[in-house]
């Protein structure tokens, strides 16, 4: 009997040591403060009780809110309008300069061609040479005839002195030789004129070719300068676009109340400001 009571006692103690099972309490996720402008962003339903918006402004007027302001989602918090307009004006000016340079490039790329010259004509000079040649040949024939005439006179069997006749014909021969010299001189002159005209024409053609080559070199140098300027302006426009984007208006992502504005620091001309906003419970994030 003692053993039976002992067994019942042990079972009773074991049963009394066990605790009834109960449901574990649900885990509570505390709502927290986030800072916009950092990598942390609210996800899902985990909306913050407050937010901190970090912005960069150039002057005090760029900040569009003050402590106590009631914000709706999408309201402008900061906007560097003056700077953005200045940059947009610079961009427009750069785009105009770029367009002018590109139009200038089109003009520079026109083909440089040799000027059209009339066909070379030396007919007049060649005709003068032919006439002068005819006169030379005629003078030579006259001399030959006169020499033959003198030889025949000397062979005539006439009695008496023939020396006066021979002297007369010899004088005539001298005149003919003088005419030949004059004709040959005129022929040489006409030939020289033709060579001069040909040389001048050749010089003009070579000069035009040389001028074209020089112009091509100049245009090539100008193209390089223009292309360099175009590249520089395109880079400038790209940088201006990037800066304009950074100056876009900063808007409230949630509705709420501005509780605090802190001046965090300054880098060059930019002032960093942190705006603390208590988020409204009924807020939904701005689309």
C-alpha atoms as a PDB file:
ATOM      1  CA  UNK A   1       0.000   0.000   0.000  1.00  0.00           C
ATOM      2  CA  UNK A   2       2.815   2.386   0.785  1.00  0.00           C
ATOM      3  CA  UNK A   3       4.240   1.817  -2.700  1.00  0.00           C
ATOM      4  CA  UNK A   4       0.898   2.612  -4.322  1.00  0.00           C
ATOM      5  CA  UNK A   5       0.547   5.880  -2.364  1.00  0.00           C
ATOM      6  CA  UNK A   6       4.119   6.800  -3.297  1.00  0.00           C
ATOM      7  CA  UNK A   7       3.413   6.333  -7.014  1.00  0.00           C
ATOM      8  CA  UNK A   8       0.249   8.467  -6.802  1.00  0.00           C
ATOM      9  CA  UNK A   9       2.184  11.191  -4.975  1.00  0.00           C
ATOM     10  CA  UNK A  10       4.869  11.354  -7.628  1.00  0.00           C
ATOM     11  CA  UNK A  11       2.281  11.603 -10.428  1.00  0.00           C
ATOM     12  CA  UNK A  12       0.484  14.403  -8.556  1.00  0.00           C
ATOM     13  CA  UNK A  13       3.694  16.401  -8.181  1.00  0.00           C
ATOM     14  CA  UNK A  14       4.578  15.990 -11.882  1.00  0.00           C
ATOM     15  CA  UNK A  15       1.137  17.154 -12.914  1.00  0.00           C
ATOM     16  CA  UNK A  16       1.294  20.190 -10.667  1.00  0.00           C
ATOM     17  CA  UNK A  17       4.667  21.290 -12.161  1.00  0.00           C
ATOM     18  CA  UNK A  18       3.245  21.618 -15.715  1.00  0.00           C
ATOM     19  CA  UNK A  19       1.929  25.127 -16.719  1.00  0.00           C
ATOM     20  CA  UNK A  20      -0.996  25.593 -19.037  1.00  0.00           C
ATOM     21  CA  UNK A  21      -0.040  26.765 -22.564  1.00  0.00           C
ATOM     22  CA  UNK A  22      -0.858  30.392 -23.399  1.00  0.00           C
ATOM     23  CA  UNK A  23      -0.644  32.531 -26.589  1.00  0.00           C
ATOM     24  CA  UNK A  24       2.578  34.601 -26.880  1.00  0.00           C
ATOM     25  CA  UNK A  25       1.978  38.354 -27.093  1.00  0.00           C
ATOM     26  CA  UNK A  26       2.324  39.853 -30.698  1.00  0.00           C
ATOM     27  CA  UNK A  27       5.625  41.570 -31.386  1.00  0.00           C
ATOM     28  CA  UNK A  28       5.304  45.346 -31.459  1.00  0.00           C
ATOM     29  CA  UNK A  29       7.350  47.181 -34.125  1.00  0.00           C
ATOM     30  CA  UNK A  30       8.122  50.618 -32.840  1.00  0.00           C
ATOM     31  CA  UNK A  31       7.593  53.487 -35.301  1.00  0.00           C
ATOM     32  CA  UNK A  32      10.728  55.491 -35.761  1.00  0.00           C
ATOM     33  CA  UNK A  33      12.156  58.649 -37.222  1.00  0.00           C
ATOM     34  CA  UNK A  34      13.770  58.494 -40.674  1.00  0.00           C
ATOM     35  CA  UNK A  35      15.896  61.040 -42.465  1.00  0.00           C
ATOM     36  CA  UNK A  36      15.190  61.723 -46.126  1.00  0.00           C
ATOM     37  CA  UNK A  37      18.354  62.308 -48.056  1.00  0.00           C
ATOM     38  CA  UNK A  38      19.934  59.133 -46.625  1.00  0.00           C
ATOM     39  CA  UNK A  39      19.744  55.565 -47.932  1.00  0.00           C
ATOM     40  CA  UNK A  40      17.032  54.559 -45.408  1.00  0.00           C
ATOM     41  CA  UNK A  41      13.481  54.780 -46.741  1.00  0.00           C
ATOM     42  CA  UNK A  42      10.109  53.665 -45.344  1.00  0.00           C
ATOM     43  CA  UNK A  43       8.736  50.449 -46.815  1.00  0.00           C
ATOM     44  CA  UNK A  44       5.297  48.889 -46.750  1.00  0.00           C
ATOM     45  CA  UNK A  45       3.178  50.023 -43.840  1.00  0.00           C
ATOM     46  CA  UNK A  46       6.183  50.979 -41.714  1.00  0.00           C
ATOM     47  CA  UNK A  47       5.520  54.713 -41.985  1.00  0.00           C
ATOM     48  CA  UNK A  48       7.506  56.948 -39.622  1.00  0.00           C
ATOM     49  CA  UNK A  49       6.161  59.157 -36.864  1.00  0.00           C
ATOM     50  CA  UNK A  50       8.553  61.876 -37.993  1.00  0.00           C
ATOM     51  CA  UNK A  51      10.906  62.559 -40.864  1.00  0.00           C
ATOM     52  CA  UNK A  52      13.999  64.652 -41.359  1.00  0.00           C
ATOM     53  CA  UNK A  53      14.451  66.203 -44.773  1.00  0.00           C
ATOM     54  CA  UNK A  54      17.996  67.242 -45.602  1.00  0.00           C
ATOM     55  CA  UNK A  55      18.289  69.903 -48.329  1.00  0.00           C
ATOM     56  CA  UNK A  56      20.978  72.162 -49.759  1.00  0.00           C
ATOM     57  CA  UNK A  57      20.111  75.806 -50.321  1.00  0.00           C
ATOM     58  CA  UNK A  58      22.038  78.758 -51.686  1.00  0.00           C
ATOM     59  CA  UNK A  59      20.316  81.490 -49.725  1.00  0.00           C
ATOM     60  CA  UNK A  60      17.680  81.750 -47.036  1.00  0.00           C
ATOM     61  CA  UNK A  61      14.890  82.517 -49.519  1.00  0.00           C
ATOM     62  CA  UNK A  62      15.352  79.058 -51.060  1.00  0.00           C
ATOM     63  CA  UNK A  63      13.836  77.498 -47.924  1.00  0.00           C
ATOM     64  CA  UNK A  64      10.050  77.638 -48.405  1.00  0.00           C
ATOM     65  CA  UNK A  65       8.889  76.488 -44.926  1.00  0.00           C
ATOM     66  CA  UNK A  66       9.191  77.629 -41.325  1.00  0.00           C
ATOM     67  CA  UNK A  67       8.586  76.030 -37.937  1.00  0.00           C
ATOM     68  CA  UNK A  68       4.895  75.393 -37.362  1.00  0.00           C
ATOM     69  CA  UNK A  69       3.905  75.166 -41.045  1.00  0.00           C
ATOM     70  CA  UNK A  70       1.323  72.516 -41.891  1.00  0.00           C
ATOM     71  CA  UNK A  71       2.420  70.492 -44.919  1.00  0.00           C
ATOM     72  CA  UNK A  72       0.499  68.382 -47.369  1.00  0.00           C
ATOM     73  CA  UNK A  73       2.186  65.584 -49.287  1.00  0.00           C
ATOM     74  CA  UNK A  74       3.848  67.180 -52.313  1.00  0.00           C
ATOM     75  CA  UNK A  75       4.224  70.689 -50.855  1.00  0.00           C
ATOM     76  CA  UNK A  76       7.482  72.421 -51.800  1.00  0.00           C
ATOM     77  CA  UNK A  77       9.965  72.461 -48.936  1.00  0.00           C
ATOM     78  CA  UNK A  78      12.925  74.041 -50.703  1.00  0.00           C
ATOM     79  CA  UNK A  79      13.458  75.339 -54.212  1.00  0.00           C
ATOM     80  CA  UNK A  80      16.569  77.066 -55.575  1.00  0.00           C
ATOM     81  CA  UNK A  81      14.587  78.850 -58.286  1.00  0.00           C
ATOM     82  CA  UNK A  82      17.024  81.691 -58.918  1.00  0.00           C
ATOM     83  CA  UNK A  83      19.992  79.372 -59.379  1.00  0.00           C
ATOM     84  CA  UNK A  84      18.009  77.004 -61.572  1.00  0.00           C
ATOM     85  CA  UNK A  85      16.833  79.835 -63.835  1.00  0.00           C
ATOM     86  CA  UNK A  86      20.399  81.124 -64.139  1.00  0.00           C
ATOM     87  CA  UNK A  87      21.615  77.656 -65.113  1.00  0.00           C
ATOM     88  CA  UNK A  88      18.765  77.242 -67.594  1.00  0.00           C
ATOM     89  CA  UNK A  89      19.713  80.586 -69.174  1.00  0.00           C
ATOM     90  CA  UNK A  90      23.334  79.419 -69.408  1.00  0.00           C
ATOM     91  CA  UNK A  91      22.142  76.191 -71.004  1.00  0.00           C
ATOM     92  CA  UNK A  92      20.085  78.056 -73.629  1.00  0.00           C
ATOM     93  CA  UNK A  93      23.069  80.257 -74.456  1.00  0.00           C
ATOM     94  CA  UNK A  94      25.322  77.213 -74.746  1.00  0.00           C
ATOM     95  CA  UNK A  95      22.799  75.492 -77.040  1.00  0.00           C
ATOM     96  CA  UNK A  96      22.714  78.565 -79.308  1.00  0.00           C
ATOM     97  CA  UNK A  97      26.512  78.602 -79.452  1.00  0.00           C
ATOM     98  CA  UNK A  98      26.503  74.888 -80.249  1.00  0.00           C
ATOM     99  CA  UNK A  99      24.036  75.398 -83.099  1.00  0.00           C
ATOM    100  CA  UNK A 100      26.136  78.235 -84.563  1.00  0.00           C
ATOM    101  CA  UNK A 101      29.270  76.100 -84.426  1.00  0.00           C
ATOM    102  CA  UNK A 102      27.550  73.168 -86.122  1.00  0.00           C
ATOM    103  CA  UNK A 103      26.244  75.457 -88.884  1.00  0.00           C
ATOM    104  CA  UNK A 104      29.745  76.849 -89.281  1.00  0.00           C
ATOM    105  CA  UNK A 105      31.028  73.293 -89.588  1.00  0.00           C
ATOM    106  CA  UNK A 106      28.625  72.684 -92.489  1.00  0.00           C
ATOM    107  CA  UNK A 107      30.001  75.737 -94.303  1.00  0.00           C
ATOM    108  CA  UNK A 108      33.581  74.629 -93.709  1.00  0.00           C
ATOM    109  CA  UNK A 109      32.898  71.194 -95.164  1.00  0.00           C
ATOM    110  CA  UNK A 110      31.935  72.536 -98.588  1.00  0.00           C
ATOM    111  CA  UNK A 111      34.200  71.107-101.262  1.00  0.00           C
ATOM    112  CA  UNK A 112      37.000  73.387-102.300  1.00  0.00           C
ATOM    113  CA  UNK A 113      37.263  73.028-106.048  1.00  0.00           C
ATOM    114  CA  UNK A 114      39.629  74.490-108.552  1.00  0.00           C
ATOM    115  CA  UNK A 115      38.039  77.535-110.212  1.00  0.00           C
ATOM    116  CA  UNK A 116      36.795  76.863-113.714  1.00  0.00           C
ATOM    117  CA  UNK A 117      39.061  78.606-116.198  1.00  0.00           C
ATOM    118  CA  UNK A 118      38.323  79.041-119.911  1.00  0.00           C
ATOM    119  CA  UNK A 119      40.054  76.594-122.188  1.00  0.00           C
ATOM    120  CA  UNK A 120      43.523  77.714-123.096  1.00  0.00           C
ATOM    121  CA  UNK A 121      43.626  79.104-126.638  1.00  0.00           C
ATOM    122  CA  UNK A 122      46.893  79.989-128.325  1.00  0.00           C
ATOM    123  CA  UNK A 123      45.467  80.111-131.873  1.00  0.00           C
ATOM    124  CA  UNK A 124      46.255  83.784-132.377  1.00  0.00           C
ATOM    125  CA  UNK A 125      49.887  83.369-131.384  1.00  0.00           C
ATOM    126  CA  UNK A 126      50.258  80.199-133.432  1.00  0.00           C
ATOM    127  CA  UNK A 127      48.821  82.001-136.486  1.00  0.00           C
ATOM    128  CA  UNK A 128      51.336  84.814-136.023  1.00  0.00           C
ATOM    129  CA  UNK A 129      54.126  82.251-135.890  1.00  0.00           C
ATOM    130  CA  UNK A 130      52.917  80.634-139.113  1.00  0.00           C
ATOM    131  CA  UNK A 131      52.838  84.016-140.887  1.00  0.00           C
ATOM    132  CA  UNK A 132      56.312  84.841-139.634  1.00  0.00           C
ATOM    133  CA  UNK A 133      57.552  81.432-140.817  1.00  0.00           C
ATOM    134  CA  UNK A 134      56.119  82.058-144.285  1.00  0.00           C
ATOM    135  CA  UNK A 135      57.983  85.380-144.466  1.00  0.00           C
ATOM    136  CA  UNK A 136      61.220  83.677-143.426  1.00  0.00           C
ATOM    137  CA  UNK A 137      60.838  80.993-146.080  1.00  0.00           C
ATOM    138  CA  UNK A 138      60.005  83.626-148.713  1.00  0.00           C
ATOM    139  CA  UNK A 139      63.096  85.642-147.752  1.00  0.00           C
ATOM    140  CA  UNK A 140      65.259  82.524-148.076  1.00  0.00           C
ATOM    141  CA  UNK A 141      63.845  81.753-151.533  1.00  0.00           C
ATOM    142  CA  UNK A 142      64.465  85.332-152.651  1.00  0.00           C
ATOM    143  CA  UNK A 143      68.065  85.073-151.494  1.00  0.00           C
ATOM    144  CA  UNK A 144      68.543  81.778-153.339  1.00  0.00           C
ATOM    145  CA  UNK A 145      67.073  83.250-156.490  1.00  0.00           C
ATOM    146  CA  UNK A 146      69.268  86.336-156.219  1.00  0.00           C
ATOM    147  CA  UNK A 147      72.403  84.257-155.730  1.00  0.00           C
ATOM    148  CA  UNK A 148      71.522  82.156-158.784  1.00  0.00           C
ATOM    149  CA  UNK A 149      70.915  85.347-160.771  1.00  0.00           C
ATOM    150  CA  UNK A 150      74.345  86.693-159.871  1.00  0.00           C
ATOM    151  CA  UNK A 151      75.995  83.411-160.895  1.00  0.00           C
ATOM    152  CA  UNK A 152      74.217  83.457-164.251  1.00  0.00           C
ATOM    153  CA  UNK A 153      75.237  87.058-164.903  1.00  0.00           C
ATOM    154  CA  UNK A 154      78.835  86.225-164.218  1.00  0.00           C
ATOM    155  CA  UNK A 155      78.660  83.384-166.743  1.00  0.00           C
ATOM    156  CA  UNK A 156      77.175  85.481-169.574  1.00  0.00           C
ATOM    157  CA  UNK A 157      79.575  85.847-172.567  1.00  0.00           C
ATOM    158  CA  UNK A 158      78.871  89.565-173.008  1.00  0.00           C
ATOM    159  CA  UNK A 159      81.816  91.709-174.121  1.00  0.00           C
ATOM    160  CA  UNK A 160      82.619  94.595-171.900  1.00  0.00           C
ATOM    161  CA  UNK A 161      82.730  95.293-168.186  1.00  0.00           C
ATOM    162  CA  UNK A 162      79.961  93.476-166.216  1.00  0.00           C
ATOM    163  CA  UNK A 163      81.196  94.597-162.813  1.00  0.00           C
ATOM    164  CA  UNK A 164      78.576  97.348-162.371  1.00  0.00           C
ATOM    165  CA  UNK A 165      75.762  94.912-163.032  1.00  0.00           C
ATOM    166  CA  UNK A 166      77.321  92.423-160.644  1.00  0.00           C
ATOM    167  CA  UNK A 167      77.690  95.105-157.951  1.00  0.00           C
ATOM    168  CA  UNK A 168      74.031  96.083-158.344  1.00  0.00           C
ATOM    169  CA  UNK A 169      72.832  92.515-158.004  1.00  0.00           C
ATOM    170  CA  UNK A 170      75.142  91.934-155.067  1.00  0.00           C
ATOM    171  CA  UNK A 171      73.688  94.984-153.307  1.00  0.00           C
ATOM    172  CA  UNK A 172      70.251  93.593-154.012  1.00  0.00           C
ATOM    173  CA  UNK A 173      71.353  90.293-152.423  1.00  0.00           C
ATOM    174  CA  UNK A 174      72.482  92.145-149.296  1.00  0.00           C
ATOM    175  CA  UNK A 175      69.060  93.762-148.969  1.00  0.00           C
ATOM    176  CA  UNK A 176      67.385  90.376-149.268  1.00  0.00           C
ATOM    177  CA  UNK A 177      69.633  88.975-146.562  1.00  0.00           C
ATOM    178  CA  UNK A 178      68.650  91.903-144.356  1.00  0.00           C
ATOM    179  CA  UNK A 179      64.995  91.104-144.961  1.00  0.00           C
ATOM    180  CA  UNK A 180      65.699  87.477-143.972  1.00  0.00           C
ATOM    181  CA  UNK A 181      67.279  88.566-140.696  1.00  0.00           C
ATOM    182  CA  UNK A 182      64.273  90.762-139.961  1.00  0.00           C
ATOM    183  CA  UNK A 183      61.847  87.942-140.780  1.00  0.00           C
ATOM    184  CA  UNK A 184      63.775  85.480-138.591  1.00  0.00           C
ATOM    185  CA  UNK A 185      63.837  88.014-135.738  1.00  0.00           C
ATOM    186  CA  UNK A 186      60.072  88.502-136.037  1.00  0.00           C
ATOM    187  CA  UNK A 187      59.565  84.723-136.053  1.00  0.00           C
ATOM    188  CA  UNK A 188      61.632  84.381-132.867  1.00  0.00           C
ATOM    189  CA  UNK A 189      59.585  87.158-131.261  1.00  0.00           C
ATOM    190  CA  UNK A 190      56.275  85.472-132.077  1.00  0.00           C
ATOM    191  CA  UNK A 191      57.540  82.174-130.717  1.00  0.00           C
ATOM    192  CA  UNK A 192      58.665  83.928-127.532  1.00  0.00           C
ATOM    193  CA  UNK A 193      55.210  85.472-127.150  1.00  0.00           C
ATOM    194  CA  UNK A 194      53.606  82.032-127.381  1.00  0.00           C
ATOM    195  CA  UNK A 195      55.967  80.565-124.782  1.00  0.00           C
ATOM    196  CA  UNK A 196      55.285  83.510-122.464  1.00  0.00           C
ATOM    197  CA  UNK A 197      51.518  83.062-122.731  1.00  0.00           C
ATOM    198  CA  UNK A 198      51.822  79.323-122.059  1.00  0.00           C
ATOM    199  CA  UNK A 199      54.076  79.946-119.065  1.00  0.00           C
ATOM    200  CA  UNK A 200      51.626  82.505-117.632  1.00  0.00           C
ATOM    201  CA  UNK A 201      48.738  80.094-118.044  1.00  0.00           C
ATOM    202  CA  UNK A 202      50.669  77.309-116.343  1.00  0.00           C
ATOM    203  CA  UNK A 203      51.640  79.648-113.509  1.00  0.00           C
ATOM    204  CA  UNK A 204      48.008  80.679-112.997  1.00  0.00           C
ATOM    205  CA  UNK A 205      46.844  77.061-112.863  1.00  0.00           C
ATOM    206  CA  UNK A 206      49.575  76.095-110.413  1.00  0.00           C
ATOM    207  CA  UNK A 207      48.848  79.160-108.291  1.00  0.00           C
ATOM    208  CA  UNK A 208      45.150  78.262-108.107  1.00  0.00           C
ATOM    209  CA  UNK A 209      46.025  74.698-107.133  1.00  0.00           C
ATOM    210  CA  UNK A 210      48.420  75.953-104.468  1.00  0.00           C
ATOM    211  CA  UNK A 211      45.836  78.374-103.097  1.00  0.00           C
ATOM    212  CA  UNK A 212      43.278  75.571-102.887  1.00  0.00           C
ATOM    213  CA  UNK A 213      45.711  73.338-100.996  1.00  0.00           C
ATOM    214  CA  UNK A 214      46.505  76.174 -98.609  1.00  0.00           C
ATOM    215  CA  UNK A 215      42.789  76.804 -98.129  1.00  0.00           C
ATOM    216  CA  UNK A 216      42.217  73.109 -97.400  1.00  0.00           C
ATOM    217  CA  UNK A 217      44.917  73.190 -94.727  1.00  0.00           C
ATOM    218  CA  UNK A 218      43.359  76.297 -93.183  1.00  0.00           C
ATOM    219  CA  UNK A 219      39.878  74.760 -93.261  1.00  0.00           C
ATOM    220  CA  UNK A 220      41.241  71.579 -91.685  1.00  0.00           C
ATOM    221  CA  UNK A 221      42.754  73.559 -88.826  1.00  0.00           C
ATOM    222  CA  UNK A 222      39.504  75.493 -88.382  1.00  0.00           C
ATOM    223  CA  UNK A 223      37.542  72.217 -88.327  1.00  0.00           C
ATOM    224  CA  UNK A 224      39.733  70.889 -85.526  1.00  0.00           C
ATOM    225  CA  UNK A 225      39.193  74.089 -83.540  1.00  0.00           C
ATOM    226  CA  UNK A 226      35.432  74.005 -84.128  1.00  0.00           C
ATOM    227  CA  UNK A 227      35.167  70.299 -83.238  1.00  0.00           C
ATOM    228  CA  UNK A 228      37.072  70.964 -80.019  1.00  0.00           C
ATOM    229  CA  UNK A 229      34.726  73.833 -79.172  1.00  0.00           C
ATOM    230  CA  UNK A 230      31.682  71.668 -79.956  1.00  0.00           C
ATOM    231  CA  UNK A 231      32.948  68.945 -77.620  1.00  0.00           C
ATOM    232  CA  UNK A 232      33.588  71.470 -74.853  1.00  0.00           C
ATOM    233  CA  UNK A 233      30.118  73.000 -75.190  1.00  0.00           C
ATOM    234  CA  UNK A 234      28.452  69.557 -75.240  1.00  0.00           C
ATOM    235  CA  UNK A 235      30.260  68.702 -72.000  1.00  0.00           C
ATOM    236  CA  UNK A 236      29.179  72.063 -70.583  1.00  0.00           C
ATOM    237  CA  UNK A 237      25.533  71.366 -71.489  1.00  0.00           C
ATOM    238  CA  UNK A 238      25.732  67.899 -69.907  1.00  0.00           C
ATOM    239  CA  UNK A 239      27.117  69.395 -66.697  1.00  0.00           C
ATOM    240  CA  UNK A 240      24.448  72.101 -66.700  1.00  0.00           C
ATOM    241  CA  UNK A 241      21.714  69.474 -67.101  1.00  0.00           C
ATOM    242  CA  UNK A 242      23.117  67.541 -64.157  1.00  0.00           C
ATOM    243  CA  UNK A 243      23.249  70.674 -62.016  1.00  0.00           C
ATOM    244  CA  UNK A 244      19.709  71.685 -63.017  1.00  0.00           C
ATOM    245  CA  UNK A 245      18.437  68.259 -61.962  1.00  0.00           C
ATOM    246  CA  UNK A 246      20.094  68.631 -58.555  1.00  0.00           C
ATOM    247  CA  UNK A 247      18.309  71.963 -58.137  1.00  0.00           C
ATOM    248  CA  UNK A 248      14.832  70.483 -58.631  1.00  0.00           C
ATOM    249  CA  UNK A 249      12.281  71.487 -56.000  1.00  0.00           C
ATOM    250  CA  UNK A 250      12.306  69.337 -52.832  1.00  0.00           C
ATOM    251  CA  UNK A 251       8.756  68.291 -51.892  1.00  0.00           C
ATOM    252  CA  UNK A 252       7.263  66.835 -48.720  1.00  0.00           C
ATOM    253  CA  UNK A 253       6.764  63.061 -49.084  1.00  0.00           C
ATOM    254  CA  UNK A 254       4.184  63.007 -46.260  1.00  0.00           C
ATOM    255  CA  UNK A 255       1.750  65.418 -44.709  1.00  0.00           C
ATOM    256  CA  UNK A 256       2.756  66.771 -41.335  1.00  0.00           C
ATOM    257  CA  UNK A 257       3.921  69.713 -39.238  1.00  0.00           C
ATOM    258  CA  UNK A 258       7.340  71.383 -39.390  1.00  0.00           C
ATOM    259  CA  UNK A 259       8.747  71.020 -35.866  1.00  0.00           C
ATOM    260  CA  UNK A 260      12.358  72.057 -36.248  1.00  0.00           C
ATOM    261  CA  UNK A 261      14.776  73.542 -38.790  1.00  0.00           C
ATOM    262  CA  UNK A 262      18.477  72.914 -38.183  1.00  0.00           C
ATOM    263  CA  UNK A 263      21.357  74.583 -40.016  1.00  0.00           C
ATOM    264  CA  UNK A 264      23.764  71.697 -40.340  1.00  0.00           C
ATOM    265  CA  UNK A 265      26.721  73.252 -42.135  1.00  0.00           C
ATOM    266  CA  UNK A 266      28.038  74.982 -45.232  1.00  0.00           C
ATOM    267  CA  UNK A 267      30.202  73.786 -48.131  1.00  0.00           C
ATOM    268  CA  UNK A 268      31.373  76.536 -50.453  1.00  0.00           C
ATOM    269  CA  UNK A 269      28.143  78.410 -51.316  1.00  0.00           C
ATOM    270  CA  UNK A 270      25.756  75.599 -50.351  1.00  0.00           C
ATOM    271  CA  UNK A 271      24.077  75.521 -46.929  1.00  0.00           C
ATOM    272  CA  UNK A 272      22.836  72.179 -45.617  1.00  0.00           C
ATOM    273  CA  UNK A 273      19.535  72.403 -43.735  1.00  0.00           C
ATOM    274  CA  UNK A 274      17.629  69.617 -41.941  1.00  0.00           C
ATOM    275  CA  UNK A 275      13.843  70.056 -41.604  1.00  0.00           C
ATOM    276  CA  UNK A 276      12.146  67.891 -38.959  1.00  0.00           C
ATOM    277  CA  UNK A 277       8.498  67.093 -39.713  1.00  0.00           C
ATOM    278  CA  UNK A 278       5.992  65.244 -37.521  1.00  0.00           C
ATOM    279  CA  UNK A 279       4.047  63.003 -39.887  1.00  0.00           C
ATOM    280  CA  UNK A 280       0.261  63.078 -39.678  1.00  0.00           C
ATOM    281  CA  UNK A 281      -1.372  59.748 -38.809  1.00  0.00           C
ATOM    282  CA  UNK A 282      -3.811  60.078 -41.686  1.00  0.00           C
ATOM    283  CA  UNK A 283      -1.061  60.705 -44.234  1.00  0.00           C
ATOM    284  CA  UNK A 284      -0.429  58.576 -47.229  1.00  0.00           C
ATOM    285  CA  UNK A 285       2.828  58.901 -49.060  1.00  0.00           C
ATOM    286  CA  UNK A 286       2.968  61.371 -51.965  1.00  0.00           C
ATOM    287  CA  UNK A 287       2.692  59.791 -55.365  1.00  0.00           C
END
